[in-house]
Amino acid sequence: MYDCLARLASVALQYGTPLETVGSLLSDVKVEPFGIVTGHPTIHFCSSLPDAIGQHLLSLDQDAPHPHENRRSQLP
């Protein structure tokens, strides 16, 4: 099941779905297993594995520079 979920998320991102949208759709999904998360710098609790993945994607989106920022710095 999680392999299917990962493939869907991957295809959605490859076809231009914003990372924030994919992360938000996965966040707050409530199924087992759930609980305390150890070893992650920003996620401390998740309500399911999809929730943990969604939270991680959202944390990446917040840390990532805007896609056009690198291009602006390279312009003459």
C-alpha atoms as a PDB file:
ATOM      1  CA  MET A   1       0.000   0.000   0.000  1.00  0.00           C
ATOM      2  CA  TYR A   2       2.773   2.443   0.895  1.00  0.00           C
ATOM      3  CA  ASP A   3       4.572   1.667  -2.358  1.00  0.00           C
ATOM      4  CA  CYS A   4       1.444   2.749  -4.232  1.00  0.00           C
ATOM      5  CA  LEU A   5       1.217   5.911  -2.125  1.00  0.00           C
ATOM      6  CA  ALA A   6       4.864   6.734  -2.856  1.00  0.00           C
ATOM      7  CA  ARG A   7       4.369   6.200  -6.586  1.00  0.00           C
ATOM      8  CA  LEU A   8       1.313   8.462  -6.650  1.00  0.00           C
ATOM      9  CA  ALA A   9       3.153  11.203  -4.763  1.00  0.00           C
ATOM     10  CA  SER A  10       6.147  10.859  -7.084  1.00  0.00           C
ATOM     11  CA  VAL A  11       4.048  11.105 -10.245  1.00  0.00           C
ATOM     12  CA  ALA A  12       2.106  14.069  -8.845  1.00  0.00           C
ATOM     13  CA  LEU A  13       5.363  15.917  -8.141  1.00  0.00           C
ATOM     14  CA  GLN A  14       6.809  15.014 -11.554  1.00  0.00           C
ATOM     15  CA  TYR A  15       3.723  16.447 -13.246  1.00  0.00           C
ATOM     16  CA  GLY A  16       4.041  19.741 -11.416  1.00  0.00           C
ATOM     17  CA  THR A  17       1.796  19.376  -8.376  1.00  0.00           C
ATOM     18  CA  PRO A  18       3.260  21.720  -5.746  1.00  0.00           C
ATOM     19  CA  LEU A  19       5.139  20.021  -2.914  1.00  0.00           C
ATOM     20  CA  GLU A  20       2.940  21.877  -0.429  1.00  0.00           C
ATOM     21  CA  THR A  21      -0.207  20.363  -1.989  1.00  0.00           C
ATOM     22  CA  VAL A  22       1.125  16.794  -1.882  1.00  0.00           C
ATOM     23  CA  GLY A  23       2.371  17.274   1.682  1.00  0.00           C
ATOM     24  CA  SER A  24      -0.931  18.756   2.829  1.00  0.00           C
ATOM     25  CA  LEU A  25      -2.926  15.886   1.318  1.00  0.00           C
ATOM     26  CA  LEU A  26      -0.833  13.326   3.195  1.00  0.00           C
ATOM     27  CA  SER A  27      -0.764  15.222   6.489  1.00  0.00           C
ATOM     28  CA  ASP A  28      -3.363  14.375   9.134  1.00  0.00           C
ATOM     29  CA  VAL A  29      -4.197  10.940   7.672  1.00  0.00           C
ATOM     30  CA  LYS A  30      -5.062   8.829  10.719  1.00  0.00           C
ATOM     31  CA  VAL A  31      -4.286   5.088  10.518  1.00  0.00           C
ATOM     32  CA  GLU A  32      -1.978   2.747  12.409  1.00  0.00           C
ATOM     33  CA  PRO A  33       0.915   2.831  13.113  1.00  0.00           C
ATOM     34  CA  PHE A  34       0.994   6.222  14.808  1.00  0.00           C
ATOM     35  CA  GLY A  35       2.856   7.830  17.678  1.00  0.00           C
ATOM     36  CA  ILE A  36       6.066   9.523  18.712  1.00  0.00           C
ATOM     37  CA  VAL A  37       8.721  10.073  16.042  1.00  0.00           C
ATOM     38  CA  THR A  38      12.371   9.873  17.072  1.00  0.00           C
ATOM     39  CA  GLY A  39      15.396  10.902  15.066  1.00  0.00           C
ATOM     40  CA  HIS A  40      13.739  13.582  12.935  1.00  0.00           C
ATOM     41  CA  PRO A  41      14.664  17.228  13.510  1.00  0.00           C
ATOM     42  CA  THR A  42      11.166  18.686  13.010  1.00  0.00           C
ATOM     43  CA  ILE A  43       8.623  15.857  13.309  1.00  0.00           C
ATOM     44  CA  HIS A  44       7.942  14.705  16.861  1.00  0.00           C
ATOM     45  CA  PHE A  45       4.553  12.959  16.476  1.00  0.00           C
ATOM     46  CA  CYS A  46       2.617  11.521  13.551  1.00  0.00           C
ATOM     47  CA  SER A  47      -0.880  10.109  13.194  1.00  0.00           C
ATOM     48  CA  SER A  48       0.248   7.629  10.484  1.00  0.00           C
ATOM     49  CA  LEU A  49       3.073   6.900   8.076  1.00  0.00           C
ATOM     50  CA  PRO A  50       1.420   9.038   5.349  1.00  0.00           C
ATOM     51  CA  ASP A  51       1.143  11.844   7.936  1.00  0.00           C
ATOM     52  CA  ALA A  52       4.879  11.560   8.682  1.00  0.00           C
ATOM     53  CA  ILE A  53       5.679  11.669   4.958  1.00  0.00           C
ATOM     54  CA  GLY A  54       3.398  14.680   4.483  1.00  0.00           C
ATOM     55  CA  GLN A  55       4.970  16.507   7.415  1.00  0.00           C
ATOM     56  CA  HIS A  56       8.431  15.748   6.029  1.00  0.00           C
ATOM     57  CA  LEU A  57       7.490  17.051   2.565  1.00  0.00           C
ATOM     58  CA  LEU A  58       6.084  20.218   4.114  1.00  0.00           C
ATOM     59  CA  SER A  59       9.290  20.725   6.110  1.00  0.00           C
ATOM     60  CA  LEU A  60      11.307  20.375   2.893  1.00  0.00           C
ATOM     61  CA  ASP A  61       9.099  22.946   1.203  1.00  0.00           C
ATOM     62  CA  GLN A  62       9.700  25.446   4.019  1.00  0.00           C
ATOM     63  CA  ASP A  63      13.476  24.908   3.939  1.00  0.00           C
ATOM     64  CA  ALA A  64      13.811  25.051   0.163  1.00  0.00           C
ATOM     65  CA  PRO A  65      14.564  28.311  -1.581  1.00  0.00           C
ATOM     66  CA  HIS A  66      12.045  29.604  -4.091  1.00  0.00           C
ATOM     67  CA  PRO A  67      12.775  27.986  -7.496  1.00  0.00           C
ATOM     68  CA  HIS A  68      13.422  31.364  -9.106  1.00  0.00           C
ATOM     69  CA  GLU A  69      15.835  32.613  -6.422  1.00  0.00           C
ATOM     70  CA  ASN A  70      18.806  30.747  -7.916  1.00  0.00           C
ATOM     71  CA  ARG A  71      18.009  32.057 -11.392  1.00  0.00           C
ATOM     72  CA  ARG A  72      17.799  35.636 -10.134  1.00  0.00           C
ATOM     73  CA  SER A  73      21.250  35.410  -8.555  1.00  0.00           C
ATOM     74  CA  GLN A  74      22.699  34.130 -11.853  1.00  0.00           C
ATOM     75  CA  LEU A  75      21.309  36.968 -13.966  1.00  0.00           C
ATOM     76  CA  PRO A  76      23.772  39.689 -15.067  1.00  0.00           C
END
